[in-house]
């Protein structure tokens, strides 16, 4: 008399789905490659600056103050001021980045 043993399925790691799986995969990818982790961190910093930059800068980027023209960096103006007295930090944090501007060389390169 022969007895047939029931089929046993191989037991592997439990599969997760949804947000937990995405977070586990992200942690795995970032942990395996340092360059990917650095690029991801840089992306987070850029996104943080783009979202919260205008809230942090106390000056209007277009407001002129000729008395403060070409001042060096100080506690009031962290990046100094330009020829019209505008805060350079406010101008640099509020300017949209255009990909088209990076495609053409600067005008000083043309001869």
N, C-alpha and C. Protein backbone atom coordinates (compact mmCIF):
# COMPACT_ATOMS: atom_id res chain seq x y z
N UNK A 1 0.83 -1.15 0.00
CA UNK A 1 0.00 0.00 0.00
C UNK A 1 0.88 1.22 0.00
N UNK A 2 0.64 2.09 -0.89
CA UNK A 2 1.47 3.28 -0.99
C UNK A 2 0.65 4.49 -0.54
N UNK A 3 1.30 5.32 0.18
CA UNK A 3 0.62 6.54 0.60
C UNK A 3 1.24 7.72 -0.16
N UNK A 4 0.41 8.59 -0.57
CA UNK A 4 0.86 9.76 -1.33
C UNK A 4 0.89 10.94 -0.37
N UNK A 5 2.06 11.53 -0.27
CA UNK A 5 2.20 12.69 0.61
C UNK A 5 1.62 13.91 -0.09
N UNK A 6 0.97 14.76 0.67
CA UNK A 6 0.41 15.96 0.05
C UNK A 6 1.53 16.86 -0.47
N UNK A 7 1.25 17.53 -1.55
CA UNK A 7 2.25 18.43 -2.16
C UNK A 7 2.48 19.62 -1.23
N UNK A 8 3.74 19.90 -0.97
CA UNK A 8 4.10 21.01 -0.10
C UNK A 8 4.67 22.12 -0.97
N UNK A 9 4.08 23.28 -0.86
CA UNK A 9 4.57 24.41 -1.65
C UNK A 9 5.82 24.97 -0.97
N UNK A 10 6.78 25.40 -1.76
CA UNK A 10 7.97 25.98 -1.15
C UNK A 10 7.61 27.27 -0.41
N UNK A 11 8.21 27.42 0.75
CA UNK A 11 7.94 28.60 1.56
C UNK A 11 9.03 29.62 1.28
N UNK A 12 8.63 30.78 0.81
CA UNK A 12 9.57 31.86 0.52
C UNK A 12 9.25 33.05 1.38
N UNK A 13 9.93 34.11 1.16
CA UNK A 13 9.64 35.31 1.93
C UNK A 13 8.24 35.82 1.62
N UNK A 14 7.62 36.35 2.63
CA UNK A 14 6.26 36.85 2.44
C UNK A 14 6.30 38.07 1.55
N UNK A 15 5.41 38.09 0.59
CA UNK A 15 5.35 39.22 -0.33
C UNK A 15 4.42 40.27 0.24
N UNK A 16 4.87 41.52 0.14
CA UNK A 16 4.04 42.62 0.58
C UNK A 16 3.64 43.42 -0.64
N UNK A 17 2.61 44.19 -0.49
CA UNK A 17 2.15 44.98 -1.62
C UNK A 17 1.84 46.39 -1.14
N UNK A 18 1.71 47.27 -2.08
CA UNK A 18 1.32 48.63 -1.77
C UNK A 18 2.49 49.49 -1.33
N UNK A 19 2.22 50.38 -0.41
CA UNK A 19 3.20 51.36 0.04
C UNK A 19 4.39 50.70 0.74
N UNK A 20 4.14 49.66 1.48
CA UNK A 20 5.22 48.97 2.19
C UNK A 20 6.22 48.39 1.19
N UNK A 21 5.74 47.82 0.12
CA UNK A 21 6.62 47.24 -0.90
C UNK A 21 7.43 48.32 -1.59
N UNK A 22 6.82 49.46 -1.86
CA UNK A 22 7.53 50.56 -2.50
C UNK A 22 8.64 51.07 -1.59
N UNK A 23 8.33 51.24 -0.32
CA UNK A 23 9.34 51.72 0.62
C UNK A 23 10.47 50.72 0.80
N UNK A 24 10.17 49.44 0.83
CA UNK A 24 11.21 48.42 0.95
C UNK A 24 12.10 48.41 -0.28
N UNK A 25 11.51 48.53 -1.46
CA UNK A 25 12.29 48.56 -2.70
C UNK A 25 13.16 49.81 -2.75
N UNK A 26 12.63 50.94 -2.34
CA UNK A 26 13.40 52.19 -2.33
C UNK A 26 14.57 52.08 -1.38
N UNK A 27 14.34 51.54 -0.19
CA UNK A 27 15.43 51.36 0.77
C UNK A 27 16.50 50.42 0.22
N UNK A 28 16.09 49.38 -0.47
CA UNK A 28 17.04 48.43 -1.06
C UNK A 28 17.90 49.11 -2.13
N UNK A 29 17.25 49.84 -3.04
CA UNK A 29 17.97 50.48 -4.14
C UNK A 29 18.93 51.54 -3.60
N UNK A 30 18.48 52.36 -2.67
CA UNK A 30 19.33 53.41 -2.12
C UNK A 30 20.48 52.83 -1.30
N UNK A 31 20.26 51.69 -0.66
CA UNK A 31 21.31 51.06 0.14
C UNK A 31 22.36 50.36 -0.70
N UNK A 32 21.99 49.92 -1.88
CA UNK A 32 22.92 49.19 -2.73
C UNK A 32 23.91 50.09 -3.46
N UNK A 33 23.51 51.30 -3.80
CA UNK A 33 24.35 52.16 -4.61
C UNK A 33 24.45 53.54 -3.96
N UNK A 34 25.66 53.95 -3.60
CA UNK A 34 25.86 55.24 -2.93
C UNK A 34 25.54 56.41 -3.86
N UNK A 35 25.84 56.27 -5.14
CA UNK A 35 25.59 57.36 -6.08
C UNK A 35 24.08 57.60 -6.21
N UNK A 36 23.32 56.54 -6.24
CA UNK A 36 21.87 56.68 -6.31
C UNK A 36 21.34 57.34 -5.05
N UNK A 37 21.88 56.96 -3.91
CA UNK A 37 21.47 57.59 -2.66
C UNK A 37 21.80 59.07 -2.64
N UNK A 38 22.99 59.45 -3.14
CA UNK A 38 23.37 60.85 -3.20
C UNK A 38 22.46 61.62 -4.14
N UNK A 39 22.17 61.06 -5.31
CA UNK A 39 21.29 61.73 -6.28
C UNK A 39 19.88 61.89 -5.72
N UNK A 40 19.40 60.89 -5.01
CA UNK A 40 18.07 60.98 -4.41
C UNK A 40 18.06 62.06 -3.33
N UNK A 41 19.11 62.13 -2.52
CA UNK A 41 19.19 63.17 -1.50
C UNK A 41 19.24 64.56 -2.12
N UNK A 42 19.99 64.71 -3.21
CA UNK A 42 20.06 65.99 -3.91
C UNK A 42 18.70 66.37 -4.49
N UNK A 43 17.99 65.40 -5.01
CA UNK A 43 16.64 65.65 -5.53
C UNK A 43 15.72 66.16 -4.42
N UNK A 44 15.81 65.56 -3.26
CA UNK A 44 14.98 65.98 -2.12
C UNK A 44 15.32 67.41 -1.72
N UNK A 45 16.61 67.75 -1.70
CA UNK A 45 17.03 69.12 -1.34
C UNK A 45 16.51 70.12 -2.36
N UNK A 46 16.59 69.80 -3.65
CA UNK A 46 16.10 70.70 -4.69
C UNK A 46 14.60 70.87 -4.60
N UNK A 47 13.88 69.79 -4.37
CA UNK A 47 12.42 69.89 -4.22
C UNK A 47 12.05 70.72 -3.00
N UNK A 48 12.77 70.52 -1.90
CA UNK A 48 12.52 71.29 -0.68
C UNK A 48 12.75 72.77 -0.93
N UNK A 49 13.84 73.11 -1.63
CA UNK A 49 14.14 74.51 -1.93
C UNK A 49 13.10 75.11 -2.87
N UNK A 50 12.63 74.33 -3.83
CA UNK A 50 11.64 74.85 -4.77
C UNK A 50 10.30 75.09 -4.10
N UNK A 51 9.94 74.25 -3.15
CA UNK A 51 8.65 74.39 -2.49
C UNK A 51 8.69 75.45 -1.41
N UNK A 52 9.73 75.41 -0.57
CA UNK A 52 9.76 76.29 0.59
C UNK A 52 10.66 77.52 0.42
N UNK A 53 11.38 77.64 -0.69
CA UNK A 53 12.26 78.77 -0.91
C UNK A 53 11.57 80.12 -0.85
N UNK A 54 10.47 80.31 -1.58
CA UNK A 54 9.79 81.60 -1.52
C UNK A 54 9.24 81.93 -0.14
N UNK A 55 8.99 80.95 0.68
CA UNK A 55 8.49 81.21 2.03
C UNK A 55 9.60 81.65 2.98
N UNK A 56 10.84 81.24 2.70
CA UNK A 56 11.96 81.53 3.57
C UNK A 56 12.55 82.91 3.29
N UNK A 57 12.55 83.33 2.03
CA UNK A 57 13.16 84.60 1.63
C UNK A 57 12.23 85.75 2.01
N UNK A 58 12.71 86.71 2.82
CA UNK A 58 11.84 87.78 3.29
C UNK A 58 11.70 88.95 2.32
N UNK A 59 12.47 88.97 1.21
CA UNK A 59 12.47 90.13 0.33
C UNK A 59 11.77 89.83 -0.99
N UNK A 60 11.20 90.89 -1.57
CA UNK A 60 10.61 90.80 -2.91
C UNK A 60 11.76 90.80 -3.91
N UNK A 61 11.82 89.84 -4.83
CA UNK A 61 12.96 89.79 -5.76
C UNK A 61 12.97 90.94 -6.76
N UNK A 62 11.87 91.64 -6.93
CA UNK A 62 11.82 92.74 -7.90
C UNK A 62 11.89 94.11 -7.26
N UNK A 63 11.85 94.20 -5.94
CA UNK A 63 11.88 95.50 -5.25
C UNK A 63 13.30 96.07 -5.28
N UNK A 64 13.42 97.32 -5.72
CA UNK A 64 14.72 97.99 -5.81
C UNK A 64 14.95 98.88 -4.60
N UNK A 65 16.20 98.92 -4.15
CA UNK A 65 16.62 99.81 -3.08
C UNK A 65 18.00 100.32 -3.46
N UNK A 66 18.05 101.47 -4.16
CA UNK A 66 19.32 101.95 -4.70
C UNK A 66 20.32 102.32 -3.61
N UNK A 67 19.85 102.59 -2.41
CA UNK A 67 20.78 102.88 -1.31
C UNK A 67 21.56 101.63 -0.91
N UNK A 68 21.03 100.45 -1.19
CA UNK A 68 21.69 99.20 -0.83
C UNK A 68 22.35 98.53 -2.03
N UNK A 69 22.63 99.29 -3.08
CA UNK A 69 23.21 98.72 -4.30
C UNK A 69 24.62 98.20 -4.06
N UNK A 70 24.89 97.01 -4.59
CA UNK A 70 26.20 96.37 -4.55
C UNK A 70 26.78 96.22 -3.14
N UNK A 71 25.93 95.92 -2.19
CA UNK A 71 26.39 95.67 -0.82
C UNK A 71 26.91 94.23 -0.73
N UNK A 72 27.94 94.00 0.07
CA UNK A 72 28.45 92.63 0.25
C UNK A 72 27.48 91.81 1.11
N UNK A 73 27.69 90.52 1.18
CA UNK A 73 26.84 89.69 2.03
C UNK A 73 26.86 90.17 3.48
N UNK A 74 25.68 90.15 4.09
CA UNK A 74 25.54 90.58 5.48
C UNK A 74 24.41 89.79 6.12
N UNK A 75 24.09 90.12 7.35
CA UNK A 75 22.99 89.43 8.04
C UNK A 75 21.65 89.76 7.39
N UNK A 76 21.53 90.97 6.83
CA UNK A 76 20.28 91.37 6.18
C UNK A 76 20.14 90.75 4.79
N UNK A 77 21.24 90.70 4.05
CA UNK A 77 21.23 90.14 2.68
C UNK A 77 22.32 89.08 2.60
N UNK A 78 21.96 87.82 2.73
CA UNK A 78 22.93 86.73 2.83
C UNK A 78 23.82 86.62 1.60
N UNK A 79 23.28 86.89 0.39
CA UNK A 79 24.08 86.81 -0.84
C UNK A 79 24.48 88.19 -1.34
N UNK A 80 24.22 89.24 -0.58
CA UNK A 80 24.52 90.59 -1.01
C UNK A 80 23.40 91.13 -1.90
N UNK A 81 23.69 92.27 -2.56
CA UNK A 81 22.70 92.90 -3.44
C UNK A 81 23.32 93.16 -4.80
N UNK A 82 22.47 93.37 -5.80
CA UNK A 82 22.95 93.65 -7.15
C UNK A 82 23.01 95.16 -7.41
N UNK A 83 23.14 95.57 -8.68
CA UNK A 83 23.31 96.97 -9.03
C UNK A 83 22.09 97.82 -8.68
N UNK A 84 20.93 97.22 -8.64
CA UNK A 84 19.70 97.96 -8.32
C UNK A 84 19.30 97.83 -6.86
N UNK A 85 20.10 97.15 -6.07
CA UNK A 85 19.81 97.00 -4.65
C UNK A 85 18.86 95.86 -4.34
N UNK A 86 18.63 94.99 -5.30
CA UNK A 86 17.75 93.84 -5.07
C UNK A 86 18.52 92.75 -4.36
N UNK A 87 17.86 92.03 -3.48
CA UNK A 87 18.50 90.95 -2.74
C UNK A 87 18.80 89.79 -3.69
N UNK A 88 20.07 89.39 -3.75
CA UNK A 88 20.47 88.32 -4.66
C UNK A 88 19.89 86.97 -4.24
N UNK A 89 19.73 86.74 -2.94
CA UNK A 89 19.13 85.49 -2.47
C UNK A 89 17.69 85.40 -2.93
N UNK A 90 16.95 86.49 -2.85
CA UNK A 90 15.55 86.47 -3.29
C UNK A 90 15.47 86.23 -4.79
N UNK A 91 16.39 86.82 -5.54
CA UNK A 91 16.37 86.63 -7.00
C UNK A 91 16.73 85.21 -7.38
N UNK A 92 17.71 84.62 -6.69
CA UNK A 92 18.13 83.26 -7.04
C UNK A 92 17.13 82.21 -6.60
N UNK A 93 16.39 82.46 -5.53
CA UNK A 93 15.45 81.45 -5.07
C UNK A 93 14.09 81.54 -5.75
N UNK A 94 13.80 82.66 -6.40
CA UNK A 94 12.48 82.80 -7.01
C UNK A 94 12.51 82.62 -8.52
N UNK A 95 13.69 82.49 -9.11
CA UNK A 95 13.79 82.35 -10.55
C UNK A 95 13.47 80.92 -10.97
N UNK A 96 12.59 80.75 -11.94
CA UNK A 96 12.34 79.40 -12.45
C UNK A 96 13.53 78.93 -13.29
N UNK A 97 13.82 77.67 -13.20
CA UNK A 97 14.93 77.11 -13.95
C UNK A 97 14.42 76.69 -15.31
N UNK A 98 15.05 77.18 -16.34
CA UNK A 98 14.63 76.87 -17.70
C UNK A 98 15.65 75.94 -18.33
N UNK A 99 15.20 74.84 -18.86
CA UNK A 99 16.09 73.90 -19.52
C UNK A 99 16.57 74.46 -20.86
N UNK A 100 15.80 75.35 -21.48
CA UNK A 100 16.20 75.90 -22.77
C UNK A 100 17.41 76.80 -22.62
N UNK A 101 17.60 77.42 -21.47
CA UNK A 101 18.76 78.30 -21.28
C UNK A 101 20.05 77.51 -21.20
N UNK A 102 19.98 76.25 -20.85
CA UNK A 102 21.20 75.45 -20.74
C UNK A 102 21.61 74.84 -22.07
N UNK A 103 20.79 74.97 -23.10
CA UNK A 103 21.10 74.37 -24.39
C UNK A 103 21.99 75.26 -25.25
N UNK A 104 21.94 76.56 -25.07
CA UNK A 104 22.74 77.45 -25.88
C UNK A 104 23.93 77.95 -25.08
N UNK A 105 25.08 78.14 -25.74
CA UNK A 105 26.24 78.63 -25.01
C UNK A 105 26.07 80.10 -24.66
N UNK A 106 26.79 80.57 -23.66
CA UNK A 106 26.70 81.99 -23.31
C UNK A 106 27.15 82.88 -24.45
N UNK A 107 26.66 84.10 -24.49
CA UNK A 107 26.99 85.00 -25.60
C UNK A 107 28.46 85.36 -25.61
N UNK A 108 29.15 85.27 -24.49
CA UNK A 108 30.57 85.60 -24.46
C UNK A 108 31.41 84.54 -25.19
N UNK A 109 30.86 83.38 -25.49
CA UNK A 109 31.60 82.34 -26.20
C UNK A 109 31.64 82.58 -27.69
N UNK A 110 30.70 83.36 -28.18
CA UNK A 110 30.66 83.59 -29.63
C UNK A 110 31.74 84.60 -30.00
N UNK A 111 32.35 84.38 -31.14
CA UNK A 111 33.41 85.30 -31.54
C UNK A 111 33.13 85.93 -32.88
